[in-house]
Amino acid sequence: MVPAPEAAAVAALPDATGVPVGEVPSLLPPREAVLVRLAEQLPATSGTTATLVVLGLMRRDDGRPVAGSTVARVTALLARSLRGEDWLGGSGPAEFVIVMSGAATGAEIAAQRLVAAVEGLGVPGLSAAAGLAPLTPDLTAGEALRRATVSLTAARRVGCGTVVQHRLPY
């Protein structure tokens, strides 16, 4: 466990973007902004494919909440790893929403790489899982997020490092 003064000092250090590490997660658009973005994106999916990915952090050791400094490191990792046309937001204290352009097969490969990259950070006990849902114009923003979140829940049940794509009827 990192003593509070040292944790505060680490959080005040800038990452590669120059933003203090402790502020990185707060820069992510919140769930409400995610829903707005999805509502804007969904009609366009009639001509251009897109996939919603929800990546969730997992603790293998004790199930305690993930430290803020760790969430900041993962946020920076994800932001560096995504393409310019992809969009990153937050969904919960240790969950990230990514709107990826392209088909679900490509998004699944990208999600597997992102999950592996989180594990590659070397934070003891930290892992990730992801759920994804193809976006279609007939979905509402809430339904698209629900589908990806249900898939994340299924992935977490299978175990660390798992990526699950949404399938009907769930």
N, C-alpha and C. Protein backbone atom coordinates (compact mmCIF):
# COMPACT_ATOMS: atom_id res chain seq x y z
N MET A 1 0.85 -1.19 0.00
CA MET A 1 0.00 0.00 0.00
C MET A 1 0.88 1.24 0.00
N VAL A 2 0.59 2.20 -0.84
CA VAL A 2 1.36 3.43 -0.94
C VAL A 2 0.83 4.42 0.09
N PRO A 3 1.73 4.95 0.94
CA PRO A 3 1.28 5.95 1.92
C PRO A 3 0.63 7.14 1.21
N ALA A 4 -0.34 7.76 1.86
CA ALA A 4 -1.10 8.85 1.26
C ALA A 4 -0.23 9.98 0.73
N PRO A 5 0.80 10.46 1.47
CA PRO A 5 1.61 11.54 0.91
C PRO A 5 2.32 11.14 -0.38
N GLU A 6 2.81 9.90 -0.46
CA GLU A 6 3.48 9.44 -1.67
C GLU A 6 2.47 9.28 -2.81
N ALA A 7 1.29 8.78 -2.49
CA ALA A 7 0.26 8.63 -3.52
C ALA A 7 -0.12 9.99 -4.09
N ALA A 8 -0.23 10.99 -3.23
CA ALA A 8 -0.55 12.34 -3.69
C ALA A 8 0.56 12.89 -4.57
N ALA A 9 1.81 12.60 -4.20
CA ALA A 9 2.94 13.06 -5.01
C ALA A 9 2.94 12.40 -6.38
N VAL A 10 2.63 11.09 -6.42
CA VAL A 10 2.56 10.39 -7.70
C VAL A 10 1.44 10.96 -8.55
N ALA A 11 0.29 11.22 -7.95
CA ALA A 11 -0.86 11.75 -8.69
C ALA A 11 -0.58 13.14 -9.25
N ALA A 12 0.34 13.88 -8.62
CA ALA A 12 0.66 15.22 -9.09
C ALA A 12 1.66 15.22 -10.24
N LEU A 13 2.33 14.08 -10.49
CA LEU A 13 3.30 13.99 -11.57
C LEU A 13 2.60 13.98 -12.92
N PRO A 14 3.13 14.70 -13.89
CA PRO A 14 2.51 14.67 -15.21
C PRO A 14 2.84 13.39 -15.95
N ASP A 15 1.92 12.93 -16.79
CA ASP A 15 2.21 11.79 -17.66
C ASP A 15 2.77 12.34 -18.96
N ALA A 16 2.82 11.52 -19.99
CA ALA A 16 3.41 11.94 -21.27
C ALA A 16 2.65 13.10 -21.91
N THR A 17 1.39 13.30 -21.54
CA THR A 17 0.61 14.39 -22.12
C THR A 17 0.83 15.70 -21.40
N GLY A 18 1.52 15.66 -20.24
CA GLY A 18 1.73 16.85 -19.45
C GLY A 18 0.63 17.10 -18.44
N VAL A 19 -0.39 16.25 -18.42
CA VAL A 19 -1.49 16.38 -17.48
C VAL A 19 -1.13 15.58 -16.23
N PRO A 20 -1.33 16.13 -15.02
CA PRO A 20 -1.06 15.35 -13.82
C PRO A 20 -1.82 14.03 -13.85
N VAL A 21 -1.13 12.94 -13.49
CA VAL A 21 -1.69 11.59 -13.58
C VAL A 21 -3.02 11.49 -12.86
N GLY A 22 -3.15 12.10 -11.70
CA GLY A 22 -4.39 12.01 -10.93
C GLY A 22 -5.58 12.65 -11.60
N GLU A 23 -5.34 13.53 -12.58
CA GLU A 23 -6.44 14.22 -13.26
C GLU A 23 -6.86 13.53 -14.55
N VAL A 24 -6.10 12.55 -15.02
CA VAL A 24 -6.39 11.92 -16.31
C VAL A 24 -7.78 11.30 -16.35
N PRO A 25 -8.20 10.46 -15.35
CA PRO A 25 -9.54 9.88 -15.45
C PRO A 25 -10.66 10.92 -15.45
N SER A 26 -10.45 12.03 -14.75
CA SER A 26 -11.51 13.04 -14.69
C SER A 26 -11.66 13.78 -16.01
N LEU A 27 -10.69 13.62 -16.91
CA LEU A 27 -10.78 14.25 -18.22
C LEU A 27 -11.66 13.46 -19.18
N LEU A 28 -11.97 12.22 -18.84
CA LEU A 28 -12.81 11.40 -19.71
C LEU A 28 -14.26 11.89 -19.68
N PRO A 29 -14.91 11.88 -20.82
CA PRO A 29 -16.34 12.20 -20.82
C PRO A 29 -17.10 11.18 -19.96
N PRO A 30 -18.03 11.64 -19.12
CA PRO A 30 -18.77 10.72 -18.25
C PRO A 30 -19.84 9.95 -19.01
N ARG A 31 -20.53 9.08 -18.30
CA ARG A 31 -21.55 8.21 -18.89
C ARG A 31 -22.60 9.00 -19.68
N GLU A 32 -23.01 10.14 -19.15
CA GLU A 32 -24.02 10.96 -19.84
C GLU A 32 -23.52 11.40 -21.21
N ALA A 33 -22.25 11.79 -21.29
CA ALA A 33 -21.66 12.20 -22.57
C ALA A 33 -21.51 11.00 -23.50
N VAL A 34 -21.26 9.83 -22.92
CA VAL A 34 -21.19 8.60 -23.72
C VAL A 34 -22.52 8.36 -24.42
N LEU A 35 -23.61 8.51 -23.67
CA LEU A 35 -24.94 8.29 -24.25
C LEU A 35 -25.24 9.31 -25.35
N VAL A 36 -24.82 10.55 -25.17
CA VAL A 36 -25.01 11.57 -26.20
C VAL A 36 -24.21 11.20 -27.44
N ARG A 37 -22.95 10.80 -27.25
CA ARG A 37 -22.09 10.42 -28.38
C ARG A 37 -22.70 9.24 -29.14
N LEU A 38 -23.19 8.24 -28.39
CA LEU A 38 -23.80 7.08 -29.03
C LEU A 38 -25.04 7.49 -29.83
N ALA A 39 -25.86 8.35 -29.26
CA ALA A 39 -27.07 8.81 -29.96
C ALA A 39 -26.71 9.51 -31.27
N GLU A 40 -25.59 10.22 -31.28
CA GLU A 40 -25.13 10.88 -32.50
C GLU A 40 -24.56 9.88 -33.50
N GLN A 41 -23.86 8.86 -33.00
CA GLN A 41 -23.16 7.89 -33.84
C GLN A 41 -24.09 6.86 -34.46
N LEU A 42 -25.11 6.43 -33.73
CA LEU A 42 -25.94 5.31 -34.18
C LEU A 42 -26.58 5.51 -35.55
N PRO A 43 -27.16 6.66 -35.87
CA PRO A 43 -27.75 6.81 -37.21
C PRO A 43 -26.73 6.64 -38.34
N ALA A 44 -25.49 7.01 -38.10
CA ALA A 44 -24.45 6.91 -39.12
C ALA A 44 -24.02 5.48 -39.40
N THR A 45 -24.40 4.55 -38.51
CA THR A 45 -23.96 3.16 -38.69
C THR A 45 -24.70 2.44 -39.81
N SER A 46 -25.66 3.11 -40.42
CA SER A 46 -26.31 2.49 -41.59
C SER A 46 -25.36 2.45 -42.77
N GLY A 47 -24.38 3.36 -42.81
CA GLY A 47 -23.43 3.39 -43.91
C GLY A 47 -22.00 3.07 -43.50
N THR A 48 -21.69 3.20 -42.22
CA THR A 48 -20.34 2.97 -41.71
C THR A 48 -20.44 2.12 -40.45
N THR A 49 -19.71 1.02 -40.41
CA THR A 49 -19.79 0.15 -39.24
C THR A 49 -19.04 0.75 -38.06
N ALA A 50 -19.53 0.46 -36.87
CA ALA A 50 -18.90 0.89 -35.63
C ALA A 50 -19.26 -0.13 -34.55
N THR A 51 -18.43 -0.19 -33.54
CA THR A 51 -18.62 -1.15 -32.45
C THR A 51 -18.37 -0.45 -31.13
N LEU A 52 -19.17 -0.78 -30.14
CA LEU A 52 -19.01 -0.24 -28.80
C LEU A 52 -18.28 -1.26 -27.95
N VAL A 53 -17.21 -0.83 -27.29
CA VAL A 53 -16.44 -1.69 -26.40
C VAL A 53 -16.50 -1.09 -25.00
N VAL A 54 -16.79 -1.91 -24.00
CA VAL A 54 -16.69 -1.48 -22.61
C VAL A 54 -15.61 -2.35 -21.97
N LEU A 55 -14.53 -1.70 -21.57
CA LEU A 55 -13.40 -2.39 -20.94
C LEU A 55 -13.46 -2.13 -19.45
N GLY A 56 -13.44 -3.18 -18.65
CA GLY A 56 -13.50 -3.05 -17.21
C GLY A 56 -12.26 -3.60 -16.54
N LEU A 57 -11.77 -2.88 -15.55
CA LEU A 57 -10.61 -3.34 -14.80
C LEU A 57 -11.05 -4.36 -13.76
N MET A 58 -10.17 -5.30 -13.47
CA MET A 58 -10.45 -6.36 -12.50
C MET A 58 -9.25 -6.49 -11.57
N ARG A 59 -9.53 -6.81 -10.32
CA ARG A 59 -8.47 -7.10 -9.36
C ARG A 59 -8.47 -8.60 -9.09
N ARG A 60 -7.34 -9.23 -9.28
CA ARG A 60 -7.25 -10.67 -9.04
C ARG A 60 -7.03 -11.01 -7.58
N ASP A 61 -6.49 -10.08 -6.82
CA ASP A 61 -6.09 -10.40 -5.47
C ASP A 61 -7.21 -10.35 -4.44
N ASP A 62 -7.75 -9.18 -4.19
CA ASP A 62 -8.71 -9.07 -3.09
C ASP A 62 -10.04 -8.44 -3.45
N GLY A 63 -10.22 -8.06 -4.69
CA GLY A 63 -11.48 -7.48 -5.10
C GLY A 63 -11.71 -6.05 -4.65
N ARG A 64 -10.71 -5.44 -4.02
CA ARG A 64 -10.86 -4.06 -3.56
C ARG A 64 -10.87 -3.11 -4.76
N PRO A 65 -11.36 -1.90 -4.58
CA PRO A 65 -11.39 -0.95 -5.69
C PRO A 65 -9.99 -0.69 -6.25
N VAL A 66 -9.94 -0.39 -7.52
CA VAL A 66 -8.67 -0.10 -8.18
C VAL A 66 -8.25 1.31 -7.78
N ALA A 67 -6.97 1.47 -7.45
CA ALA A 67 -6.44 2.77 -7.02
C ALA A 67 -6.59 3.81 -8.14
N GLY A 68 -6.82 5.04 -7.75
CA GLY A 68 -6.97 6.13 -8.71
C GLY A 68 -5.75 6.29 -9.60
N SER A 69 -4.56 6.11 -9.04
CA SER A 69 -3.34 6.24 -9.84
C SER A 69 -3.27 5.14 -10.90
N THR A 70 -3.79 3.96 -10.58
CA THR A 70 -3.82 2.87 -11.56
C THR A 70 -4.83 3.17 -12.66
N VAL A 71 -5.99 3.68 -12.28
CA VAL A 71 -7.00 4.06 -13.28
C VAL A 71 -6.42 5.12 -14.21
N ALA A 72 -5.65 6.05 -13.65
CA ALA A 72 -5.02 7.09 -14.46
C ALA A 72 -4.03 6.49 -15.46
N ARG A 73 -3.24 5.51 -15.01
CA ARG A 73 -2.29 4.86 -15.91
C ARG A 73 -3.01 4.14 -17.04
N VAL A 74 -4.10 3.46 -16.71
CA VAL A 74 -4.87 2.74 -17.73
C VAL A 74 -5.51 3.73 -18.70
N THR A 75 -6.03 4.83 -18.17
CA THR A 75 -6.64 5.85 -19.03
C THR A 75 -5.62 6.37 -20.04
N ALA A 76 -4.42 6.67 -19.56
CA ALA A 76 -3.37 7.16 -20.46
C ALA A 76 -2.99 6.09 -21.48
N LEU A 77 -2.91 4.84 -21.05
CA LEU A 77 -2.59 3.73 -21.96
C LEU A 77 -3.64 3.62 -23.06
N LEU A 78 -4.91 3.64 -22.68
CA LEU A 78 -5.98 3.53 -23.67
C LEU A 78 -5.97 4.71 -24.63
N ALA A 79 -5.80 5.91 -24.11
CA ALA A 79 -5.79 7.10 -24.96
C ALA A 79 -4.65 7.03 -25.98
N ARG A 80 -3.51 6.51 -25.58
CA ARG A 80 -2.37 6.37 -26.50
C ARG A 80 -2.59 5.26 -27.52
N SER A 81 -3.38 4.27 -27.17
CA SER A 81 -3.52 3.06 -27.98
C SER A 81 -4.61 3.14 -29.04
N LEU A 82 -5.50 4.10 -28.93
CA LEU A 82 -6.64 4.18 -29.86
C LEU A 82 -6.30 4.98 -31.10
N ARG A 83 -7.05 4.71 -32.16
CA ARG A 83 -6.89 5.46 -33.41
C ARG A 83 -7.59 6.81 -33.28
N GLY A 84 -7.26 7.71 -34.18
CA GLY A 84 -7.84 9.05 -34.14
C GLY A 84 -9.34 9.07 -34.29
N GLU A 85 -9.90 8.13 -35.05
CA GLU A 85 -11.35 8.11 -35.26
C GLU A 85 -12.11 7.39 -34.14
N ASP A 86 -11.40 6.76 -33.21
CA ASP A 86 -12.04 6.11 -32.08
C ASP A 86 -12.33 7.15 -30.99
N TRP A 87 -13.25 6.82 -30.09
CA TRP A 87 -13.68 7.76 -29.07
C TRP A 87 -13.65 7.06 -27.72
N LEU A 88 -13.05 7.72 -26.71
CA LEU A 88 -12.89 7.14 -25.37
C LEU A 88 -13.68 7.94 -24.35
N GLY A 89 -14.44 7.23 -23.53
CA GLY A 89 -15.20 7.86 -22.45
C GLY A 89 -15.20 6.96 -21.23
N GLY A 90 -15.85 7.39 -20.19
CA GLY A 90 -15.94 6.61 -18.96
C GLY A 90 -17.36 6.12 -18.74
N SER A 91 -17.46 4.99 -18.02
CA SER A 91 -18.78 4.44 -17.73
C SER A 91 -18.96 4.19 -16.24
N GLY A 92 -17.88 4.09 -15.53
CA GLY A 92 -17.91 3.82 -14.10
C GLY A 92 -16.52 4.08 -13.55
N PRO A 93 -16.33 3.83 -12.26
CA PRO A 93 -15.03 4.14 -11.65
C PRO A 93 -13.86 3.35 -12.24
N ALA A 94 -14.11 2.19 -12.80
CA ALA A 94 -13.04 1.38 -13.39
C ALA A 94 -13.50 0.77 -14.71
N GLU A 95 -14.33 1.52 -15.44
CA GLU A 95 -14.84 1.05 -16.73
C GLU A 95 -14.67 2.14 -17.78
N PHE A 96 -14.26 1.72 -18.95
CA PHE A 96 -13.99 2.63 -20.05
C PHE A 96 -14.86 2.25 -21.24
N VAL A 97 -15.41 3.25 -21.91
CA VAL A 97 -16.23 3.04 -23.09
C VAL A 97 -15.45 3.52 -24.30
N ILE A 98 -15.40 2.68 -25.32
CA ILE A 98 -14.69 3.04 -26.55
C ILE A 98 -15.65 2.82 -27.72
N VAL A 99 -15.87 3.87 -28.50
CA VAL A 99 -16.61 3.73 -29.75
C VAL A 99 -15.56 3.57 -30.83
N MET A 100 -15.51 2.38 -31.42
CA MET A 100 -14.51 2.07 -32.45
C MET A 100 -15.16 2.04 -33.82
N SER A 101 -14.53 2.70 -34.76
CA SER A 101 -15.02 2.59 -36.13
C SER A 101 -14.59 1.23 -36.66
N GLY A 102 -15.46 0.63 -37.45
CA GLY A 102 -15.15 -0.67 -38.02
C GLY A 102 -16.03 -1.78 -37.48
N ALA A 103 -15.87 -2.94 -38.09
CA ALA A 103 -16.69 -4.11 -37.75
C ALA A 103 -16.32 -4.70 -36.40
N ALA A 104 -17.23 -5.50 -35.87
CA ALA A 104 -17.02 -6.13 -34.56
C ALA A 104 -15.80 -7.05 -34.55
N THR A 105 -15.50 -7.69 -35.66
CA THR A 105 -14.33 -8.59 -35.68
C THR A 105 -13.04 -7.82 -35.43
N GLY A 106 -12.90 -6.66 -36.05
CA GLY A 106 -11.73 -5.83 -35.81
C GLY A 106 -11.72 -5.27 -34.40
N ALA A 107 -12.89 -4.87 -33.91
CA ALA A 107 -12.98 -4.33 -32.55
C ALA A 107 -12.64 -5.40 -31.52
N GLU A 108 -13.02 -6.65 -31.80
CA GLU A 108 -12.70 -7.73 -30.88
C GLU A 108 -11.19 -7.94 -30.79
N ILE A 109 -10.51 -7.89 -31.92
CA ILE A 109 -9.05 -8.02 -31.92
C ILE A 109 -8.42 -6.85 -31.16
N ALA A 110 -8.91 -5.64 -31.42
CA ALA A 110 -8.39 -4.46 -30.72
C ALA A 110 -8.65 -4.57 -29.22
N ALA A 111 -9.84 -5.03 -28.83
CA ALA A 111 -10.16 -5.18 -27.41
C ALA A 111 -9.25 -6.20 -26.74
N GLN A 112 -8.96 -7.29 -27.44
CA GLN A 112 -8.03 -8.29 -26.88
C GLN A 112 -6.65 -7.68 -26.66
N ARG A 113 -6.21 -6.86 -27.59
CA ARG A 113 -4.91 -6.19 -27.44
C ARG A 113 -4.93 -5.20 -26.28
N LEU A 114 -6.01 -4.47 -26.13
CA LEU A 114 -6.12 -3.51 -25.03
C LEU A 114 -6.14 -4.21 -23.69
N VAL A 115 -6.88 -5.31 -23.59
CA VAL A 115 -6.93 -6.09 -22.35
C VAL A 115 -5.53 -6.60 -22.01
N ALA A 116 -4.81 -7.11 -23.00
CA ALA A 116 -3.44 -7.60 -22.78
C ALA A 116 -2.52 -6.45 -22.38
N ALA A 117 -2.71 -5.28 -22.97
CA ALA A 117 -1.87 -4.13 -22.63
C ALA A 117 -2.09 -3.69 -21.18
N VAL A 118 -3.32 -3.77 -20.69
CA VAL A 118 -3.60 -3.44 -19.29
C VAL A 118 -2.82 -4.39 -18.39
N GLU A 119 -2.88 -5.67 -18.70
CA GLU A 119 -2.13 -6.65 -17.90
C GLU A 119 -0.64 -6.40 -18.01
N GLY A 120 -0.19 -5.90 -19.18
CA GLY A 120 1.21 -5.62 -19.40
C GLY A 120 1.74 -4.41 -18.64
N LEU A 121 0.87 -3.64 -18.01
CA LEU A 121 1.33 -2.52 -17.20
C LEU A 121 2.14 -2.98 -16.00
N GLY A 122 1.95 -4.22 -15.60
CA GLY A 122 2.71 -4.76 -14.49
C GLY A 122 2.21 -4.37 -13.11
N VAL A 123 0.98 -3.93 -13.01
CA VAL A 123 0.40 -3.59 -11.71
C VAL A 123 -0.03 -4.90 -11.05
N PRO A 124 0.52 -5.23 -9.89
CA PRO A 124 0.18 -6.51 -9.25
C PRO A 124 -1.33 -6.67 -9.05
N GLY A 125 -1.84 -7.81 -9.50
CA GLY A 125 -3.25 -8.14 -9.32
C GLY A 125 -4.21 -7.49 -10.30
N LEU A 126 -3.70 -6.64 -11.20
CA LEU A 126 -4.59 -5.93 -12.12
C LEU A 126 -4.76 -6.70 -13.42
N SER A 127 -6.00 -6.80 -13.85
CA SER A 127 -6.33 -7.42 -15.13
C SER A 127 -7.50 -6.64 -15.71
N ALA A 128 -7.96 -7.09 -16.85
CA ALA A 128 -9.10 -6.44 -17.49
C ALA A 128 -9.90 -7.47 -18.26
N ALA A 129 -11.12 -7.10 -18.58
CA ALA A 129 -12.00 -7.87 -19.45
C ALA A 129 -12.77 -6.85 -20.27
N ALA A 130 -13.37 -7.31 -21.36
CA ALA A 130 -14.11 -6.37 -22.20
C ALA A 130 -15.34 -7.02 -22.80
N GLY A 131 -16.35 -6.20 -23.01
CA GLY A 131 -17.55 -6.62 -23.71
C GLY A 131 -17.75 -5.69 -24.88
N LEU A 132 -18.29 -6.23 -25.97
CA LEU A 132 -18.51 -5.37 -27.12
C LEU A 132 -19.84 -5.66 -27.76
N ALA A 133 -20.35 -4.63 -28.43
CA ALA A 133 -21.63 -4.73 -29.12
C ALA A 133 -21.55 -3.97 -30.43
N PRO A 134 -21.87 -4.63 -31.54
CA PRO A 134 -21.92 -3.92 -32.82
C PRO A 134 -23.01 -2.84 -32.76
N LEU A 135 -22.73 -1.69 -33.34
CA LEU A 135 -23.71 -0.61 -33.35
C LEU A 135 -24.51 -0.65 -34.65
N THR A 136 -25.81 -0.49 -34.50
CA THR A 136 -26.71 -0.46 -35.65
C THR A 136 -27.69 0.69 -35.48
N PRO A 137 -28.22 1.23 -36.57
CA PRO A 137 -29.09 2.40 -36.46
C PRO A 137 -30.40 2.15 -35.73
N ASP A 138 -30.81 0.89 -35.59
CA ASP A 138 -32.08 0.60 -34.91
C ASP A 138 -31.95 0.59 -33.39
N LEU A 139 -30.74 0.68 -32.86
CA LEU A 139 -30.53 0.67 -31.41
C LEU A 139 -30.67 2.07 -30.83
N THR A 140 -31.07 2.13 -29.56
CA THR A 140 -30.98 3.39 -28.81
C THR A 140 -29.61 3.42 -28.15
N ALA A 141 -29.20 4.57 -27.72
CA ALA A 141 -27.91 4.69 -27.03
C ALA A 141 -27.89 3.84 -25.77
N GLY A 142 -28.98 3.87 -25.01
CA GLY A 142 -29.06 3.08 -23.79
C GLY A 142 -28.98 1.59 -24.05
N GLU A 143 -29.63 1.13 -25.11
CA GLU A 143 -29.60 -0.30 -25.44
C GLU A 143 -28.21 -0.72 -25.91
N ALA A 144 -27.55 0.12 -26.68
CA ALA A 144 -26.19 -0.21 -27.13
C ALA A 144 -25.25 -0.34 -25.93
N LEU A 145 -25.35 0.61 -24.99
CA LEU A 145 -24.50 0.55 -23.80
C LEU A 145 -24.86 -0.65 -22.94
N ARG A 146 -26.15 -0.96 -22.84
CA ARG A 146 -26.57 -2.14 -22.07
C ARG A 146 -25.98 -3.41 -22.66
N ARG A 147 -26.03 -3.54 -23.97
CA ARG A 147 -25.51 -4.75 -24.61
C ARG A 147 -24.01 -4.92 -24.36
N ALA A 148 -23.27 -3.84 -24.49
CA ALA A 148 -21.83 -3.94 -24.25
C ALA A 148 -21.54 -4.22 -22.78
N THR A 149 -22.33 -3.64 -21.88
CA THR A 149 -22.13 -3.86 -20.45
C THR A 149 -22.49 -5.29 -20.05
N VAL A 150 -23.56 -5.83 -20.61
CA VAL A 150 -23.93 -7.24 -20.36
C VAL A 150 -22.80 -8.15 -20.83
N SER A 151 -22.21 -7.82 -21.96
CA SER A 151 -21.10 -8.62 -22.48
C SER A 151 -19.88 -8.51 -21.58
N LEU A 152 -19.63 -7.31 -21.02
CA LEU A 152 -18.53 -7.15 -20.06
C LEU A 152 -18.78 -8.00 -18.82
N THR A 153 -20.01 -8.01 -18.33
CA THR A 153 -20.34 -8.83 -17.17
C THR A 153 -20.07 -10.30 -17.46
N ALA A 154 -20.45 -10.77 -18.64
CA ALA A 154 -20.18 -12.16 -19.03
C ALA A 154 -18.68 -12.41 -19.10
N ALA A 155 -17.94 -11.47 -19.65
CA ALA A 155 -16.48 -11.62 -19.75
C ALA A 155 -15.84 -11.69 -18.37
N ARG A 156 -16.31 -10.86 -17.45
CA ARG A 156 -15.76 -10.89 -16.09
C ARG A 156 -16.05 -12.24 -15.42
N ARG A 157 -17.20 -12.81 -15.69
CA ARG A 157 -17.54 -14.11 -15.10
C ARG A 157 -16.63 -15.21 -15.63
N VAL A 158 -16.26 -15.12 -16.90
CA VAL A 158 -15.35 -16.11 -17.48
C VAL A 158 -13.97 -15.96 -16.86
N GLY A 159 -13.51 -14.72 -16.70
CA GLY A 159 -12.24 -14.50 -16.05
C GLY A 159 -11.41 -13.42 -16.70
N CYS A 160 -10.31 -13.12 -16.06
CA CYS A 160 -9.39 -12.08 -16.50
C CYS A 160 -8.95 -12.32 -17.94
N GLY A 161 -8.82 -11.25 -18.69
CA GLY A 161 -8.32 -11.34 -20.04
C GLY A 161 -9.34 -11.75 -21.09
N THR A 162 -10.60 -11.83 -20.71
CA THR A 162 -11.64 -12.31 -21.62
C THR A 162 -12.32 -11.16 -22.34
N VAL A 163 -12.66 -11.39 -23.60
CA VAL A 163 -13.45 -10.45 -24.40
C VAL A 163 -14.67 -11.21 -24.91
N VAL A 164 -15.86 -10.64 -24.70
CA VAL A 164 -17.11 -11.29 -25.12
C VAL A 164 -17.89 -10.32 -26.01
N GLN A 165 -18.35 -10.82 -27.15
CA GLN A 165 -19.20 -10.03 -28.05
C GLN A 165 -20.66 -10.33 -27.75
N HIS A 166 -21.48 -9.28 -27.75
CA HIS A 166 -22.91 -9.44 -27.49
C HIS A 166 -23.57 -10.30 -28.56
N ARG A 167 -24.44 -11.16 -28.09
CA ARG A 167 -25.24 -12.00 -28.98
C ARG A 167 -26.69 -11.93 -28.50
N LEU A 168 -27.60 -11.86 -29.44
CA LEU A 168 -29.02 -11.90 -29.07
C LEU A 168 -29.35 -13.29 -28.56
N PRO A 169 -30.22 -13.49 -27.63
CA PRO A 169 -31.32 -12.65 -27.20
C PRO A 169 -31.02 -11.80 -25.97
N TYR A 170 -29.79 -11.69 -25.54
CA TYR A 170 -29.51 -10.96 -24.29
C TYR A 170 -29.35 -9.51 -24.53
